[in-house]
Amino acid sequence: QVQLVESGGGLVQPGGSLRLSCAAAGVIVRVDAMGWYRQAPGRQRELVADTTTGGSTNYADFAKGRFTISRDNAKNTVYLQMNSLKPEDTAVYYCKANIRSRFSLDAYWGQGTQVTVSS
């Protein structure tokens, strides 16, 4: 059984920082692309950033210059460093990973972690 376990959300004041982590666990042959998405109340889930095994990255416009995605392939873990947070960044943040297990290649989602930016 493969699962993604997220941590690092919470309440932060505007201008503050948070670091999210997401670790893939289970019987894993290989983890391919990993990324972060978010969903605010009443809005569709949207891409924040993603990264390939080789380290190539892609960011949503709102994340450029403020957020940094990174990964540790040895630990099957992806991180999202979020700086200069704004109230509009408030959302549930989900990690996603394309994981090859023994029998298949599938996309997995984490359980989500709440990020609230408020004074």
N, C-alpha and C. Protein backbone atom coordinates (compact mmCIF):
# COMPACT_ATOMS: atom_id res chain seq x y z
N GLN A 1 0.85 -1.18 0.00
CA GLN A 1 0.00 0.00 0.00
C GLN A 1 0.88 1.24 0.00
N VAL A 2 0.64 2.13 -0.95
CA VAL A 2 1.42 3.37 -1.06
C VAL A 2 0.59 4.52 -0.51
N GLN A 3 1.23 5.41 0.21
CA GLN A 3 0.53 6.60 0.69
C GLN A 3 1.48 7.77 0.75
N LEU A 4 0.89 8.96 0.70
CA LEU A 4 1.63 10.21 0.85
C LEU A 4 1.23 10.83 2.18
N VAL A 5 2.22 11.19 2.97
CA VAL A 5 1.97 11.76 4.29
C VAL A 5 2.51 13.17 4.32
N GLU A 6 1.60 14.13 4.55
CA GLU A 6 1.96 15.54 4.54
C GLU A 6 2.10 16.07 5.96
N SER A 7 2.90 17.12 6.08
CA SER A 7 3.02 17.82 7.35
C SER A 7 3.47 19.25 7.09
N GLY A 8 3.30 20.10 8.10
CA GLY A 8 3.87 21.43 8.02
C GLY A 8 2.89 22.58 7.88
N GLY A 9 1.61 22.30 7.73
CA GLY A 9 0.66 23.39 7.61
C GLY A 9 0.43 24.07 8.95
N GLY A 10 -0.37 25.12 8.92
CA GLY A 10 -0.68 25.82 10.15
C GLY A 10 -1.15 27.23 9.91
N LEU A 11 -1.16 28.00 10.98
CA LEU A 11 -1.57 29.40 10.95
C LEU A 11 -0.33 30.28 10.95
N VAL A 12 -0.30 31.24 10.05
CA VAL A 12 0.85 32.14 9.97
C VAL A 12 0.35 33.54 9.64
N GLN A 13 1.06 34.54 10.10
CA GLN A 13 0.68 35.92 9.80
C GLN A 13 1.11 36.30 8.39
N PRO A 14 0.44 37.28 7.80
CA PRO A 14 0.86 37.75 6.47
C PRO A 14 2.33 38.15 6.49
N GLY A 15 3.04 37.76 5.43
CA GLY A 15 4.47 38.01 5.35
C GLY A 15 5.31 36.91 5.94
N GLY A 16 4.69 35.96 6.62
CA GLY A 16 5.42 34.88 7.25
C GLY A 16 5.75 33.75 6.28
N SER A 17 6.33 32.69 6.85
CA SER A 17 6.79 31.56 6.05
C SER A 17 6.30 30.24 6.66
N LEU A 18 6.16 29.27 5.80
CA LEU A 18 5.86 27.89 6.21
C LEU A 18 6.60 26.96 5.27
N ARG A 19 6.92 25.76 5.78
CA ARG A 19 7.52 24.74 4.95
C ARG A 19 6.68 23.48 5.05
N LEU A 20 6.17 23.04 3.92
CA LEU A 20 5.39 21.81 3.85
C LEU A 20 6.28 20.65 3.42
N SER A 21 5.97 19.48 3.95
CA SER A 21 6.69 18.27 3.57
C SER A 21 5.69 17.20 3.17
N CYS A 22 6.11 16.34 2.27
CA CYS A 22 5.25 15.22 1.84
C CYS A 22 6.16 14.03 1.53
N ALA A 23 5.95 12.96 2.27
CA ALA A 23 6.77 11.77 2.11
C ALA A 23 5.94 10.62 1.55
N ALA A 24 6.49 9.97 0.56
CA ALA A 24 5.85 8.78 0.00
C ALA A 24 6.32 7.56 0.77
N ALA A 25 5.37 6.71 1.15
CA ALA A 25 5.70 5.53 1.93
C ALA A 25 5.00 4.31 1.36
N GLY A 26 5.61 3.16 1.57
CA GLY A 26 5.03 1.92 1.08
C GLY A 26 6.02 1.16 0.21
N VAL A 27 5.50 0.21 -0.52
CA VAL A 27 6.35 -0.59 -1.41
C VAL A 27 6.47 0.17 -2.72
N ILE A 28 7.56 0.91 -2.87
CA ILE A 28 7.75 1.82 -3.99
C ILE A 28 8.94 1.40 -4.82
N VAL A 29 8.72 1.32 -6.13
CA VAL A 29 9.82 1.05 -7.03
C VAL A 29 10.48 2.36 -7.45
N ARG A 30 9.62 3.34 -7.80
CA ARG A 30 10.16 4.63 -8.24
C ARG A 30 9.10 5.71 -8.07
N VAL A 31 9.53 6.91 -7.67
CA VAL A 31 8.66 8.07 -7.62
C VAL A 31 9.04 8.99 -8.77
N ASP A 32 8.09 9.30 -9.62
CA ASP A 32 8.35 10.20 -10.76
C ASP A 32 8.02 11.63 -10.35
N ALA A 33 7.19 12.32 -11.12
CA ALA A 33 6.88 13.71 -10.82
C ALA A 33 6.19 13.84 -9.46
N MET A 34 6.54 14.89 -8.75
CA MET A 34 5.90 15.22 -7.47
C MET A 34 5.50 16.69 -7.52
N GLY A 35 4.42 17.01 -6.85
CA GLY A 35 3.98 18.40 -6.89
C GLY A 35 3.06 18.76 -5.76
N TRP A 36 2.76 20.05 -5.70
CA TRP A 36 1.84 20.60 -4.71
C TRP A 36 0.70 21.30 -5.41
N TYR A 37 -0.49 21.09 -4.89
CA TYR A 37 -1.70 21.74 -5.37
C TYR A 37 -2.37 22.38 -4.15
N ARG A 38 -3.30 23.27 -4.42
CA ARG A 38 -4.06 23.85 -3.32
C ARG A 38 -5.51 24.05 -3.75
N GLN A 39 -6.36 24.08 -2.74
CA GLN A 39 -7.78 24.32 -2.97
C GLN A 39 -8.33 25.20 -1.87
N ALA A 40 -8.79 26.37 -2.27
CA ALA A 40 -9.42 27.30 -1.34
C ALA A 40 -10.93 27.06 -1.36
N PRO A 41 -11.65 27.44 -0.32
CA PRO A 41 -13.10 27.23 -0.27
C PRO A 41 -13.78 27.85 -1.48
N GLY A 42 -14.63 27.06 -2.13
CA GLY A 42 -15.39 27.55 -3.26
C GLY A 42 -14.61 27.65 -4.55
N ARG A 43 -13.37 27.17 -4.54
CA ARG A 43 -12.54 27.26 -5.74
C ARG A 43 -12.05 25.88 -6.15
N GLN A 44 -11.65 25.76 -7.40
CA GLN A 44 -11.12 24.51 -7.89
C GLN A 44 -9.69 24.30 -7.40
N ARG A 45 -9.30 23.06 -7.33
CA ARG A 45 -7.92 22.74 -6.97
C ARG A 45 -7.00 23.23 -8.10
N GLU A 46 -5.89 23.84 -7.71
CA GLU A 46 -4.97 24.39 -8.70
C GLU A 46 -3.53 24.00 -8.40
N LEU A 47 -2.74 23.93 -9.44
CA LEU A 47 -1.34 23.62 -9.29
C LEU A 47 -0.61 24.77 -8.62
N VAL A 48 0.26 24.42 -7.68
CA VAL A 48 1.16 25.41 -7.08
C VAL A 48 2.54 25.28 -7.72
N ALA A 49 3.08 24.08 -7.69
CA ALA A 49 4.39 23.81 -8.28
C ALA A 49 4.58 22.32 -8.40
N ASP A 50 5.41 21.92 -9.37
CA ASP A 50 5.77 20.51 -9.45
C ASP A 50 7.22 20.37 -9.88
N THR A 51 7.73 19.15 -9.72
CA THR A 51 9.13 18.90 -10.00
C THR A 51 9.32 17.48 -10.49
N THR A 52 10.27 17.31 -11.40
CA THR A 52 10.58 15.99 -11.93
C THR A 52 11.68 15.32 -11.10
N THR A 53 11.92 14.07 -11.41
CA THR A 53 12.99 13.35 -10.71
C THR A 53 14.33 14.03 -10.93
N GLY A 54 14.50 14.59 -12.10
CA GLY A 54 15.77 15.26 -12.42
C GLY A 54 15.91 16.64 -11.84
N GLY A 55 14.83 17.15 -11.23
CA GLY A 55 14.93 18.46 -10.57
C GLY A 55 14.35 19.62 -11.34
N SER A 56 13.82 19.37 -12.52
CA SER A 56 13.15 20.45 -13.24
C SER A 56 11.92 20.88 -12.46
N THR A 57 11.65 22.17 -12.46
CA THR A 57 10.52 22.69 -11.69
C THR A 57 9.60 23.54 -12.55
N ASN A 58 8.36 23.65 -12.07
CA ASN A 58 7.34 24.44 -12.75
C ASN A 58 6.49 25.09 -11.68
N TYR A 59 6.23 26.38 -11.82
CA TYR A 59 5.49 27.13 -10.82
C TYR A 59 4.29 27.84 -11.43
N ALA A 60 3.22 27.91 -10.66
CA ALA A 60 2.12 28.79 -11.01
C ALA A 60 2.61 30.23 -10.87
N ASP A 61 1.98 31.12 -11.62
CA ASP A 61 2.43 32.51 -11.59
C ASP A 61 2.40 33.09 -10.18
N PHE A 62 1.38 32.73 -9.40
CA PHE A 62 1.26 33.31 -8.06
C PHE A 62 2.35 32.81 -7.12
N ALA A 63 3.00 31.71 -7.50
CA ALA A 63 4.03 31.12 -6.63
C ALA A 63 5.44 31.59 -6.98
N LYS A 64 5.61 32.09 -8.17
CA LYS A 64 6.95 32.48 -8.63
C LYS A 64 7.52 33.58 -7.75
N GLY A 65 8.75 33.38 -7.32
CA GLY A 65 9.43 34.36 -6.49
C GLY A 65 9.12 34.27 -5.01
N ARG A 66 8.10 33.52 -4.63
CA ARG A 66 7.75 33.38 -3.21
C ARG A 66 7.86 31.95 -2.71
N PHE A 67 7.53 30.99 -3.56
CA PHE A 67 7.52 29.59 -3.16
C PHE A 67 8.66 28.85 -3.85
N THR A 68 9.20 27.85 -3.16
CA THR A 68 10.25 27.02 -3.73
C THR A 68 9.93 25.55 -3.48
N ILE A 69 9.87 24.78 -4.57
CA ILE A 69 9.65 23.34 -4.43
C ILE A 69 11.00 22.64 -4.54
N SER A 70 11.18 21.62 -3.74
CA SER A 70 12.40 20.82 -3.80
C SER A 70 12.06 19.39 -3.43
N ARG A 71 12.99 18.49 -3.67
CA ARG A 71 12.71 17.09 -3.35
C ARG A 71 14.01 16.40 -2.95
N ASP A 72 13.83 15.37 -2.14
CA ASP A 72 14.93 14.49 -1.74
C ASP A 72 14.57 13.11 -2.28
N ASN A 73 15.18 12.74 -3.37
CA ASN A 73 14.83 11.48 -4.01
C ASN A 73 15.16 10.27 -3.13
N ALA A 74 16.20 10.38 -2.34
CA ALA A 74 16.56 9.27 -1.46
C ALA A 74 15.50 9.02 -0.40
N LYS A 75 14.77 10.06 -0.04
CA LYS A 75 13.73 9.94 0.98
C LYS A 75 12.33 9.94 0.38
N ASN A 76 12.24 9.99 -0.94
CA ASN A 76 10.92 10.05 -1.61
C ASN A 76 10.06 11.16 -1.01
N THR A 77 10.66 12.30 -0.82
CA THR A 77 10.00 13.42 -0.14
C THR A 77 10.08 14.68 -0.99
N VAL A 78 8.98 15.42 -1.00
CA VAL A 78 8.93 16.71 -1.67
C VAL A 78 8.60 17.78 -0.64
N TYR A 79 9.19 18.95 -0.83
CA TYR A 79 9.00 20.07 0.10
C TYR A 79 8.45 21.27 -0.65
N LEU A 80 7.78 22.14 0.09
CA LEU A 80 7.34 23.42 -0.46
C LEU A 80 7.66 24.48 0.58
N GLN A 81 8.64 25.30 0.27
CA GLN A 81 8.97 26.44 1.12
C GLN A 81 8.15 27.63 0.64
N MET A 82 7.36 28.17 1.53
CA MET A 82 6.48 29.29 1.18
C MET A 82 6.88 30.51 2.00
N ASN A 83 7.26 31.56 1.30
CA ASN A 83 7.66 32.81 1.94
C ASN A 83 6.71 33.93 1.53
N SER A 84 6.77 35.02 2.25
CA SER A 84 5.95 36.19 1.95
C SER A 84 4.49 35.81 1.74
N LEU A 85 3.98 35.03 2.66
CA LEU A 85 2.62 34.52 2.52
C LEU A 85 1.59 35.63 2.61
N LYS A 86 0.52 35.45 1.84
CA LYS A 86 -0.56 36.42 1.78
C LYS A 86 -1.86 35.76 2.22
N PRO A 87 -2.83 36.54 2.65
CA PRO A 87 -4.12 35.94 3.03
C PRO A 87 -4.73 35.09 1.90
N GLU A 88 -4.51 35.48 0.67
CA GLU A 88 -5.08 34.72 -0.45
C GLU A 88 -4.38 33.38 -0.68
N ASP A 89 -3.30 33.12 0.05
CA ASP A 89 -2.67 31.81 0.00
C ASP A 89 -3.36 30.79 0.90
N THR A 90 -4.34 31.27 1.67
CA THR A 90 -5.07 30.38 2.55
C THR A 90 -5.80 29.30 1.74
N ALA A 91 -5.55 28.06 2.07
CA ALA A 91 -6.12 26.93 1.31
C ALA A 91 -5.69 25.63 1.97
N VAL A 92 -6.29 24.54 1.52
CA VAL A 92 -5.76 23.22 1.84
C VAL A 92 -4.76 22.86 0.76
N TYR A 93 -3.57 22.50 1.19
CA TYR A 93 -2.50 22.16 0.26
C TYR A 93 -2.35 20.65 0.19
N TYR A 94 -2.31 20.14 -1.03
CA TYR A 94 -2.21 18.70 -1.28
C TYR A 94 -0.93 18.39 -2.06
N CYS A 95 -0.27 17.34 -1.70
CA CYS A 95 0.82 16.89 -2.55
C CYS A 95 0.30 15.76 -3.45
N LYS A 96 0.97 15.64 -4.58
CA LYS A 96 0.63 14.61 -5.56
C LYS A 96 1.91 13.99 -6.07
N ALA A 97 1.89 12.70 -6.28
CA ALA A 97 3.08 12.04 -6.82
C ALA A 97 2.68 10.90 -7.75
N ASN A 98 3.43 10.77 -8.79
CA ASN A 98 3.26 9.63 -9.69
C ASN A 98 4.23 8.55 -9.24
N ILE A 99 3.69 7.44 -8.78
CA ILE A 99 4.49 6.42 -8.12
C ILE A 99 4.34 5.08 -8.81
N ARG A 100 5.49 4.49 -9.08
CA ARG A 100 5.48 3.12 -9.62
C ARG A 100 5.68 2.16 -8.45
N SER A 101 4.66 1.36 -8.23
CA SER A 101 4.78 0.30 -7.23
C SER A 101 5.14 -0.98 -7.96
N ARG A 102 5.01 -2.08 -7.30
CA ARG A 102 5.43 -3.34 -7.90
C ARG A 102 4.61 -3.70 -9.14
N PHE A 103 3.33 -3.29 -9.12
CA PHE A 103 2.44 -3.75 -10.18
C PHE A 103 1.88 -2.65 -11.08
N SER A 104 2.06 -1.40 -10.71
CA SER A 104 1.41 -0.36 -11.50
C SER A 104 2.08 0.99 -11.30
N LEU A 105 1.72 1.92 -12.18
CA LEU A 105 2.12 3.32 -12.08
C LEU A 105 0.85 4.14 -11.88
N ASP A 106 0.76 4.82 -10.75
CA ASP A 106 -0.47 5.54 -10.42
C ASP A 106 -0.16 6.90 -9.82
N ALA A 107 -1.14 7.76 -9.89
CA ALA A 107 -1.05 9.06 -9.22
C ALA A 107 -1.66 8.96 -7.83
N TYR A 108 -0.95 9.44 -6.86
CA TYR A 108 -1.41 9.42 -5.47
C TYR A 108 -1.51 10.85 -4.94
N TRP A 109 -2.47 11.05 -4.04
CA TRP A 109 -2.66 12.35 -3.39
C TRP A 109 -2.47 12.21 -1.89
N GLY A 110 -1.91 13.24 -1.30
CA GLY A 110 -1.85 13.30 0.15
C GLY A 110 -3.20 13.67 0.72
N GLN A 111 -3.28 13.65 2.05
CA GLN A 111 -4.55 13.90 2.73
C GLN A 111 -4.88 15.38 2.82
N GLY A 112 -3.92 16.23 2.53
CA GLY A 112 -4.13 17.67 2.58
C GLY A 112 -3.71 18.24 3.92
N THR A 113 -3.15 19.44 3.88
CA THR A 113 -2.78 20.15 5.10
C THR A 113 -3.25 21.60 4.98
N GLN A 114 -3.87 22.09 6.03
CA GLN A 114 -4.47 23.43 6.01
C GLN A 114 -3.38 24.47 6.23
N VAL A 115 -3.38 25.47 5.37
CA VAL A 115 -2.53 26.65 5.53
C VAL A 115 -3.46 27.85 5.65
N THR A 116 -3.34 28.56 6.75
CA THR A 116 -4.15 29.74 6.99
C THR A 116 -3.24 30.93 7.21
N VAL A 117 -3.43 31.97 6.41
CA VAL A 117 -2.63 33.19 6.52
C VAL A 117 -3.55 34.30 7.00
N SER A 118 -3.34 34.71 8.23
CA SER A 118 -4.23 35.69 8.83
C SER A 118 -3.54 36.39 9.99
N SER A 119 -3.91 37.64 10.17
CA SER A 119 -3.38 38.39 11.31
C SER A 119 -4.32 38.30 12.50
